[in-house]
Each structure stands twice: as structure tokens, then as C-alpha cells.
Amino acid sequence: MASGEGFLTDEQREVLKIASQNAETPLPSPRLSSSPKSPTSLLSDHQLKDPAGGKAPTCGVGVRHVRRSHSGKFVRVKKDGAGGKGTWGKLLDTDRESHIDRNDPNYDSGEEPYQLVGSTISDPLDEYKKAVVSIIEEYFSTSDVELAASDLKDLGSSEFHPYFIKRLVSIAMDRHDKEKEMASVLLSSLYADVISPNQIRDGFVMLLDAADDLAVDILDAVNILALFVARAVVDEILPPAFLTRAKKTLPESSKGYQVLQTAEKSYLSAPHHAELLERRWGGSIHVTVEEMKKKIADLLREYVESGDTFEACRCIRELGVSFFHHEVVKRALVLAMEIQAAELLMLKLLKEAAEEGLISSSQMVK
């Protein structure tokens, strides 16, 4: 070493001295070129020179394994490439906790931590059933037919209207006669304009299928439901053939079959059955359907005699049963067929009523 050092310049000796002081294990003297600044010495000088003033770092490392961190300190680099503080580290190094910077230009929201949240899927039919109960209860409280019809239209989901029929009648069956009469009047009012004839039929089919269950909770359920069926036939919202067809779908031992038998033999076969059924649940605050039909028929006959279309429209409006105007169309057509002289007058009246919006297009079709 002594003879070798004789060939080194003072600057090279200083570099060798610094490297020796910081080495963990003794290293053999480097073989340097006699050139004052060989490539090897330049590289070593660059790696070991401290910008703070040439002070050597406290941790000893070999010259070939020295890296400068961002803080300016020298750190030892692992030979397997894993790195350390201030180095790149391994490609698949996942031990450290990653930090997502939302201000990073390469920020991806998909890398954000997420949590799956469960949600309850609501059944449209269940929602409909809850809503119609409120409509029915409000109707029984206010007796407002037009409000009930409007609320049912606003509810939508017309495909579920048979459930409304079933719910309305089943609730009324367990109430007083007043509510039973109100339920029958509402069904007649909603017929065709809000609820289609097929939906009325399907609603009563559901009631017949549920008759065994209704009989458990409601006293005399068979007789009460038979009255509702017979009343629907009298009010012309169910065809008489409904009873015969429905019987074929029910077991003879079922309560539903007994309902149809009672309706046919006890109520629809009795003399003056229509009038009796109309007044069976007396005490209603409404004019009965039969009484309203009579008023409309009298009004139209007076119109045939007077020919005053304006006065006839005024009288129709004063009846205050806009939901029942389909009956005006029906009675007008019947009268036109019965009295030849009334045909042109009835066509004129219906045209005027339609133009004024007194009778809707759906009521005309009804």
C-alpha cells in the first residue's frame, strides 16, 4: 500500500481516504490510472462529493452501491433491486400503503375504495295495494266519487285495477250498509271510464276465488258477496252471462260457487229484483243508480218535445254526475231507436255535448 500510494496525487489520496473511512469492510486499494482525473476517479468523486461542503455521510457504503435520495442523504441500495428509501423499489412491491391523489393528472376514480350497499327492491303491486287502501278510506270519509276517480287515475298502474275491485268490495263487506252502497255506486261510476269491463270482471273473479277466506273473517260473507254480484248485474257493469261462466271455473263445494247460486236464485230471480237491490242498502247519501237513470230518461224525453239543445245540456250539467254521463249516451241511443223523430235530435245533442266537453270521448265509447 505504501509503495502504491507514491504514484497517487494528493487529490487521489483524499478520495481514497474518504472511501476507506466509509467502507463497512476493508477494501483493496483501487487500481487507478496515473492520469490525474481518470474516469473511475471522476465517477467516485461525483458520487461521494457532498454539496453541503464535502462532509462524508455517516453511514458507510461501498462506492458502487451508493445512491443519493431526494433529501440529499446517501443510502445503501439493496443488490436484489428491492431498493429502499429514495429508490424505485420492486415492481410488485405492495407492502407499502398507496395514497390516491385526486389532483394527480393520472387520477382514476375507479381506484377509489368502494363499498357495496344493498337496496330494497319494491314490488309495484305491493305499492299499488297500499295506495288504493288510502283512496278507499278517503272515499268512505268524504263520499267524493270524482276525487276517488281522479286519485285512481293519477295512481296509474291500470293493469292492477282488478285488485282495486277486490279491495274495495272486501273492505265494504265488513262495514255498514252505507259503505256497501257507496262501494256499489263507485264501481258503477268508474266502469269503462276508469276501469275497463274486463277488469271489473276479473276483480269479481278474484273475489269469488277468495270467498272461502272472506268467510273466515266476515259474518255472512256468502250472502253479502252475492248481493254485490247481483247489484253489479243490475247496474250493468257485469253481464248476466258472467254467473254461468264463472260457475264453470269453480268447484261446487267452494264458497264462490255458493255466492253465484245465491245471487242467481235469491236476488236476480225475484220479482222487481232491480228495485229491491237498488234499495237494499238504504241510507246512502247518494242518489241511487236507478233513480239517476230515471232522471236522465225524463230529461231526454223533455228534450224530444222541446228540441232545446242548450237547455238539455244545462240540465245534464245540473245533475252533477259527470262520472255517469255515459248513461246519457246510452239512453239517448235507445230513445233514438224507439222514436224515429228523436234520432236527429239525439245526434245533435250528443254532438253539442261533446263539443262543450260535457261528455268525454271515453264516455261516448262506453
Protein backbone atom coordinates (compact mmCIF):
# COMPACT_ATOMS: atom_id res chain seq x y z
CA MET A 1 0.00 0.00 0.00
CA ALA A 2 2.86 2.43 0.87
CA SER A 3 4.66 1.96 -2.40
CA GLY A 4 1.41 2.15 -4.31
CA GLU A 5 0.44 5.43 -2.70
CA GLY A 6 3.62 7.02 -4.03
CA PHE A 7 2.09 7.10 -7.51
CA LEU A 8 -1.11 8.95 -6.38
CA THR A 9 -1.64 12.64 -6.40
CA ASP A 10 -2.80 14.46 -3.28
CA GLU A 11 -6.37 14.67 -4.59
CA GLN A 12 -6.49 10.94 -5.35
CA ARG A 13 -5.15 10.17 -1.89
CA GLU A 14 -8.01 12.28 -0.40
CA VAL A 15 -10.61 10.34 -2.36
CA LEU A 16 -9.11 7.03 -1.27
CA LYS A 17 -9.04 8.18 2.34
CA ILE A 18 -12.78 9.11 2.31
CA ALA A 19 -13.73 5.80 0.68
CA SER A 20 -11.72 3.84 3.24
CA GLN A 21 -13.31 5.64 6.19
CA ASN A 22 -16.87 4.86 4.98
CA ALA A 23 -16.39 1.25 3.95
CA GLU A 24 -18.12 -1.44 6.08
CA THR A 25 -15.35 -3.93 5.28
CA PRO A 26 -11.78 -3.31 4.25
CA LEU A 27 -11.46 -2.93 0.51
CA PRO A 28 -8.31 -3.44 -1.52
CA SER A 29 -6.66 -0.30 -2.78
CA PRO A 30 -8.23 0.72 -6.06
CA ARG A 31 -6.06 0.47 -9.09
CA LEU A 32 -6.34 3.90 -10.57
CA SER A 33 -4.85 5.25 -13.69
CA SER A 34 -1.90 7.56 -13.33
CA SER A 35 -3.99 10.17 -15.02
CA PRO A 36 -4.94 12.99 -12.64
CA LYS A 37 -8.62 12.53 -13.47
CA SER A 38 -9.34 9.06 -14.76
CA PRO A 39 -12.99 8.05 -15.49
CA THR A 40 -13.03 5.89 -12.38
CA SER A 41 -11.90 8.69 -10.10
CA LEU A 42 -14.30 11.17 -11.67
CA LEU A 43 -17.23 8.81 -11.07
CA SER A 44 -16.20 8.19 -7.48
CA ASP A 45 -15.66 11.89 -6.90
CA HIS A 46 -19.10 12.72 -8.27
CA GLN A 47 -20.85 10.08 -6.19
CA LEU A 48 -19.17 10.95 -2.92
CA LYS A 49 -18.99 14.71 -3.09
CA ASP A 50 -21.42 16.35 -0.62
CA PRO A 51 -22.99 19.61 -1.81
CA ALA A 52 -23.17 20.77 1.79
CA GLY A 53 -19.45 21.14 1.98
CA GLY A 54 -17.78 17.83 1.30
CA LYS A 55 -18.63 16.25 4.67
CA ALA A 56 -18.82 12.49 4.32
CA PRO A 57 -22.09 10.76 5.20
CA THR A 58 -22.22 8.86 8.48
CA CYS A 59 -23.34 5.51 7.05
CA GLY A 60 -20.60 3.57 5.38
CA VAL A 61 -21.30 2.13 1.95
CA GLY A 62 -19.30 0.79 -0.94
CA VAL A 63 -18.68 3.16 -3.79
CA ARG A 64 -20.60 1.05 -6.28
CA HIS A 65 -23.77 0.80 -4.19
CA VAL A 66 -24.34 4.43 -3.26
CA ARG A 67 -27.44 6.40 -4.29
CA ARG A 68 -28.40 9.90 -3.31
CA SER A 69 -32.02 10.25 -2.04
CA HIS A 70 -34.23 13.27 -2.72
CA SER A 71 -33.26 14.65 0.68
CA GLY A 72 -29.58 14.68 -0.28
CA LYS A 73 -28.61 11.80 2.02
CA PHE A 74 -26.69 8.74 0.84
CA VAL A 75 -28.47 5.39 1.23
CA ARG A 76 -27.37 1.85 0.57
CA VAL A 77 -29.16 0.18 -2.37
CA LYS A 78 -30.18 -3.44 -1.99
CA LYS A 79 -28.49 -5.64 -4.53
CA ASP A 80 -31.68 -7.56 -5.36
CA GLY A 81 -33.33 -4.41 -6.71
CA ALA A 82 -35.87 -4.01 -3.92
CA GLY A 83 -34.44 -0.60 -3.13
CA GLY A 84 -35.12 1.42 -0.06
CA LYS A 85 -35.98 4.96 0.86
CA GLY A 86 -35.43 7.24 -2.09
CA THR A 87 -35.25 4.35 -4.61
CA TRP A 88 -37.76 2.88 -7.06
CA GLY A 89 -38.27 -0.42 -5.24
CA LYS A 90 -39.54 -3.68 -6.72
CA LEU A 91 -42.15 -3.65 -9.47
CA LEU A 92 -44.62 -5.76 -7.46
CA ASP A 93 -43.82 -4.23 -4.08
CA THR A 94 -47.28 -3.87 -2.42
CA ASP A 95 -46.19 -3.77 1.22
CA ARG A 96 -46.48 -0.03 1.42
CA GLU A 97 -49.86 1.70 1.68
CA SER A 98 -50.76 3.52 -1.54
CA HIS A 99 -52.08 7.04 -1.48
CA ILE A 100 -54.59 8.30 -4.09
CA ASP A 101 -54.09 11.92 -5.06
CA ARG A 102 -57.27 13.35 -6.63
CA ASN A 103 -55.23 16.25 -8.03
CA ASP A 104 -52.94 13.90 -9.92
CA PRO A 105 -53.40 14.28 -13.73
CA ASN A 106 -53.45 10.47 -13.94
CA TYR A 107 -56.10 10.15 -11.21
CA ASP A 108 -58.62 7.39 -11.90
CA SER A 109 -61.81 7.35 -9.84
CA GLY A 110 -62.00 3.59 -10.36
CA GLU A 111 -59.06 3.20 -7.98
CA GLU A 112 -61.01 4.75 -5.11
CA PRO A 113 -62.06 2.33 -2.34
CA TYR A 114 -65.72 1.39 -2.60
CA GLN A 115 -68.37 -0.37 -0.54
CA LEU A 116 -71.32 -2.34 -1.88
CA VAL A 117 -74.60 -1.04 -0.48
CA GLY A 118 -77.70 -3.21 -0.58
CA SER A 119 -81.06 -1.68 -1.52
CA THR A 120 -84.59 -3.00 -1.15
CA ILE A 121 -86.40 -3.66 -4.43
CA SER A 122 -90.02 -2.57 -4.10
CA ASP A 123 -92.82 -4.58 -5.68
CA PRO A 124 -95.11 -2.32 -7.80
CA LEU A 125 -98.14 -4.42 -6.85
CA ASP A 126 -97.44 -4.01 -3.13
CA GLU A 127 -97.09 -0.25 -3.59
CA TYR A 128 -100.37 -0.18 -5.53
CA LYS A 129 -102.23 -2.15 -2.85
CA LYS A 130 -101.07 0.26 -0.14
CA ALA A 131 -102.08 3.29 -2.20
CA VAL A 132 -105.60 2.05 -3.04
CA VAL A 133 -106.39 1.43 0.63
CA SER A 134 -105.81 5.14 1.27
CA ILE A 135 -108.04 6.07 -1.69
CA ILE A 136 -110.83 3.77 -0.46
CA GLU A 137 -110.69 5.01 3.12
CA GLU A 138 -110.73 8.64 1.97
CA TYR A 139 -113.71 7.92 -0.27
CA PHE A 140 -115.65 6.37 2.61
CA SER A 141 -114.89 9.51 4.64
CA THR A 142 -115.68 12.15 2.01
CA SER A 143 -118.19 10.40 -0.29
CA ASP A 144 -116.45 12.22 -3.17
CA VAL A 145 -116.77 9.97 -6.22
CA GLU A 146 -114.94 12.31 -8.58
CA LEU A 147 -111.98 12.67 -6.20
CA ALA A 148 -111.68 8.89 -5.87
CA ALA A 149 -111.79 8.51 -9.66
CA SER A 150 -109.15 11.23 -10.10
CA ASP A 151 -106.86 9.70 -7.46
CA LEU A 152 -107.14 6.28 -9.07
CA LYS A 153 -106.26 7.73 -12.48
CA ASP A 154 -103.28 9.59 -11.04
CA LEU A 155 -102.06 6.41 -9.37
CA GLY A 156 -101.51 4.78 -12.76
CA SER A 157 -100.72 1.04 -12.89
CA SER A 158 -104.08 0.38 -14.55
CA GLU A 159 -103.13 -3.27 -15.02
CA PHE A 160 -103.66 -3.72 -11.27
CA HIS A 161 -107.23 -2.32 -11.21
CA PRO A 162 -108.79 -5.78 -10.57
CA TYR A 163 -107.07 -5.63 -7.16
CA PHE A 164 -108.83 -2.32 -6.53
CA ILE A 165 -112.21 -4.01 -7.17
CA LYS A 166 -111.34 -6.83 -4.80
CA ARG A 167 -110.07 -4.48 -2.09
CA LEU A 168 -112.99 -2.06 -2.33
CA VAL A 169 -115.64 -4.78 -2.04
CA SER A 170 -113.83 -6.80 0.65
CA ILE A 171 -113.42 -3.68 2.84
CA ALA A 172 -117.07 -2.66 2.31
CA MET A 173 -118.28 -6.17 3.17
CA ASP A 174 -117.00 -5.68 6.72
CA ARG A 175 -118.56 -2.20 7.10
CA HIS A 176 -122.07 -0.81 7.47
CA ASP A 177 -124.73 -0.71 4.75
CA LYS A 178 -123.76 2.88 3.96
CA GLU A 179 -120.25 1.83 2.88
CA LYS A 180 -121.68 -1.12 0.91
CA GLU A 181 -123.93 1.23 -1.06
CA MET A 182 -121.06 3.68 -1.57
CA ALA A 183 -118.86 0.88 -2.93
CA SER A 184 -121.54 -0.14 -5.45
CA VAL A 185 -122.04 3.46 -6.59
CA LEU A 186 -118.28 3.94 -7.01
CA LEU A 187 -117.98 0.78 -9.12
CA SER A 188 -120.76 1.99 -11.43
CA SER A 189 -119.10 5.39 -11.69
CA LEU A 190 -115.66 4.00 -12.55
CA TYR A 191 -116.98 1.46 -15.05
CA ALA A 192 -115.43 1.86 -18.53
CA ASP A 193 -114.23 5.41 -17.89
CA VAL A 194 -111.51 4.47 -15.36
CA ILE A 195 -111.75 0.68 -15.04
CA SER A 196 -112.41 -1.43 -18.12
CA PRO A 197 -115.26 -4.01 -18.26
CA ASN A 198 -112.70 -6.83 -18.37
CA GLN A 199 -111.02 -5.52 -15.22
CA ILE A 200 -114.39 -5.32 -13.45
CA ARG A 201 -114.98 -8.94 -14.39
CA ASP A 202 -111.50 -10.01 -13.27
CA GLY A 203 -111.96 -8.20 -9.96
CA PHE A 204 -115.16 -10.13 -9.21
CA VAL A 205 -113.48 -13.39 -10.24
CA MET A 206 -110.78 -12.67 -7.65
CA LEU A 207 -113.48 -12.05 -5.04
CA LEU A 208 -115.14 -15.38 -5.83
CA ASP A 209 -111.77 -17.16 -5.57
CA ALA A 210 -111.21 -15.52 -2.17
CA ALA A 211 -114.72 -16.25 -0.86
CA ASP A 212 -113.52 -19.11 1.38
CA ASP A 213 -111.00 -16.80 3.08
CA LEU A 214 -113.51 -13.95 3.38
CA ALA A 215 -115.99 -16.30 5.07
CA VAL A 216 -113.49 -16.89 7.87
CA ASP A 217 -113.33 -13.19 8.84
CA ILE A 218 -116.72 -11.80 7.74
CA LEU A 219 -120.03 -12.99 9.08
CA ASP A 220 -122.49 -13.98 6.32
CA ALA A 221 -119.82 -13.35 3.66
CA VAL A 222 -121.54 -15.57 1.07
CA ASN A 223 -124.81 -13.64 1.21
CA ILE A 224 -123.12 -10.20 1.21
CA LEU A 225 -120.89 -11.03 -1.75
CA ALA A 226 -123.92 -12.46 -3.59
CA LEU A 227 -125.63 -9.08 -3.13
CA PHE A 228 -122.60 -7.30 -4.62
CA VAL A 229 -122.60 -9.62 -7.64
CA ALA A 230 -126.35 -9.22 -8.18
CA ARG A 231 -126.08 -5.44 -7.79
CA ALA A 232 -123.29 -5.34 -10.38
CA VAL A 233 -125.54 -7.20 -12.84
CA VAL A 234 -128.44 -4.80 -12.17
CA ASP A 235 -126.12 -1.78 -12.59
CA GLU A 236 -124.98 -3.33 -15.88
CA ILE A 237 -121.30 -3.46 -15.03
CA LEU A 238 -121.39 -7.28 -15.14
CA PRO A 239 -123.24 -9.18 -17.89
CA PRO A 240 -125.85 -11.77 -16.75
CA ALA A 241 -123.78 -14.44 -18.52
CA PHE A 242 -120.98 -13.82 -16.02
CA LEU A 243 -122.68 -16.05 -13.44
CA THR A 244 -122.93 -19.05 -15.78
CA ARG A 245 -119.35 -18.72 -17.00
CA ALA A 246 -117.87 -18.20 -13.54
CA LYS A 247 -119.65 -21.28 -12.17
CA LYS A 248 -117.76 -23.48 -14.63
CA THR A 249 -114.42 -22.39 -13.17
CA LEU A 250 -115.28 -23.02 -9.50
CA PRO A 251 -115.62 -26.27 -7.52
CA GLU A 252 -119.22 -26.90 -6.44
CA SER A 253 -118.06 -27.21 -2.84
CA SER A 254 -116.44 -23.77 -2.82
CA LYS A 255 -117.90 -20.65 -1.21
CA GLY A 256 -117.53 -18.83 -4.52
CA TYR A 257 -119.90 -21.29 -6.19
CA GLN A 258 -122.41 -20.75 -3.36
CA VAL A 259 -122.16 -16.98 -3.90
CA LEU A 260 -123.18 -17.33 -7.55
CA GLN A 261 -126.06 -19.66 -6.71
CA THR A 262 -127.37 -17.27 -4.06
CA ALA A 263 -127.09 -14.26 -6.40
CA GLU A 264 -128.95 -16.06 -9.17
CA LYS A 265 -131.73 -17.76 -7.20
CA SER A 266 -132.31 -15.43 -4.26
CA TYR A 267 -131.81 -12.00 -5.81
CA LEU A 268 -131.81 -11.89 -9.62
CA SER A 269 -134.82 -14.24 -9.97
CA ALA A 270 -137.05 -12.36 -7.52
CA PRO A 271 -139.88 -10.11 -8.82
CA HIS A 272 -138.86 -6.44 -9.03
CA HIS A 273 -135.35 -7.53 -8.11
CA ALA A 274 -133.72 -4.44 -9.63
CA GLU A 275 -135.63 -2.03 -7.41
CA LEU A 276 -135.10 -4.22 -4.35
CA LEU A 277 -131.36 -4.43 -4.93
CA GLU A 278 -131.07 -0.69 -5.52
CA ARG A 279 -132.63 -0.01 -2.13
CA ARG A 280 -131.24 -2.99 -0.23
CA TRP A 281 -128.51 -0.91 1.40
CA GLY A 282 -130.61 2.16 2.21
CA GLY A 283 -129.13 5.16 3.95
CA SER A 284 -126.71 6.18 1.21
CA ILE A 285 -126.13 9.88 0.77
CA HIS A 286 -126.07 9.36 -3.00
CA VAL A 287 -128.98 9.22 -5.38
CA THR A 288 -129.30 5.57 -6.35
CA VAL A 289 -128.24 4.47 -9.82
CA GLU A 290 -131.82 3.56 -10.70
CA GLU A 291 -133.07 6.99 -9.69
CA MET A 292 -130.36 8.66 -11.77
CA LYS A 293 -131.26 6.56 -14.80
CA LYS A 294 -134.89 7.65 -14.43
CA LYS A 295 -133.89 11.35 -14.23
CA ILE A 296 -131.81 11.04 -17.39
CA ALA A 297 -134.64 9.29 -19.27
CA ASP A 298 -137.14 12.01 -18.24
CA LEU A 299 -134.69 14.75 -19.24
CA LEU A 300 -134.22 13.27 -22.71
CA ARG A 301 -137.96 12.87 -23.29
CA GLU A 302 -138.47 16.53 -22.42
CA TYR A 303 -135.74 17.41 -24.92
CA VAL A 304 -137.51 15.46 -27.67
CA GLU A 305 -140.64 17.53 -27.04
CA SER A 306 -138.89 20.93 -26.77
CA GLY A 307 -135.93 20.49 -29.12
CA ASP A 308 -133.92 22.95 -26.98
CA THR A 309 -130.36 21.61 -27.12
CA PHE A 310 -128.92 24.37 -24.93
CA GLU A 311 -131.48 23.70 -22.17
CA ALA A 312 -130.88 19.94 -22.36
CA CYS A 313 -127.11 20.44 -21.89
CA ARG A 314 -127.76 22.73 -18.93
CA CYS A 315 -129.98 20.10 -17.27
CA ILE A 316 -127.38 17.37 -17.84
CA ARG A 317 -124.75 19.57 -16.20
CA GLU A 318 -127.03 20.30 -13.23
CA LEU A 319 -127.40 16.59 -12.49
CA GLY A 320 -123.89 16.83 -11.02
CA VAL A 321 -122.90 13.30 -12.01
CA SER A 322 -120.25 13.83 -14.68
CA PHE A 323 -118.90 10.34 -13.97
CA PHE A 324 -122.30 8.94 -15.04
CA HIS A 325 -122.65 10.75 -18.38
CA HIS A 326 -122.10 7.53 -20.31
CA GLU A 327 -125.66 6.70 -19.24
CA VAL A 328 -126.86 9.82 -21.11
CA VAL A 329 -125.28 8.46 -24.30
CA LYS A 330 -126.80 5.03 -23.77
CA ARG A 331 -130.34 6.33 -23.05
CA ALA A 332 -130.14 8.77 -25.97
CA LEU A 333 -129.30 5.97 -28.41
CA VAL A 334 -132.08 3.75 -27.03
CA LEU A 335 -134.58 6.60 -27.36
CA ALA A 336 -133.43 7.33 -30.93
CA MET A 337 -134.14 3.71 -31.87
CA GLU A 338 -137.53 3.75 -30.15
CA ILE A 339 -138.73 7.10 -31.54
CA GLN A 340 -137.85 7.78 -35.16
CA ALA A 341 -138.40 11.54 -34.83
CA ALA A 342 -135.88 11.68 -31.98
CA GLU A 343 -132.93 10.35 -33.99
CA LEU A 344 -131.68 13.67 -35.42
CA LEU A 345 -132.31 15.48 -32.14
CA MET A 346 -130.26 12.96 -30.17
CA LEU A 347 -127.37 13.15 -32.63
CA LYS A 348 -127.47 16.95 -32.34
CA LEU A 349 -127.50 16.77 -28.53
CA LEU A 350 -124.58 14.34 -28.36
CA LYS A 351 -122.56 16.42 -30.82
CA GLU A 352 -123.17 19.59 -28.79
CA ALA A 353 -122.34 17.85 -25.50
CA ALA A 354 -119.08 16.50 -26.96
CA GLU A 355 -118.02 19.91 -28.32
CA GLU A 356 -118.67 21.53 -24.93
CA GLY A 357 -116.68 18.82 -23.16
CA LEU A 358 -119.78 17.83 -21.24
CA ILE A 359 -119.42 14.20 -22.37
CA SER A 360 -115.92 12.80 -22.87
CA SER A 361 -114.85 10.64 -25.79
CA SER A 362 -114.37 7.65 -23.47
CA GLN A 363 -117.94 8.06 -22.22
CA MET A 364 -119.16 8.15 -25.82
CA VAL A 365 -117.41 4.84 -26.48
CA LYS A 366 -118.78 3.43 -23.23
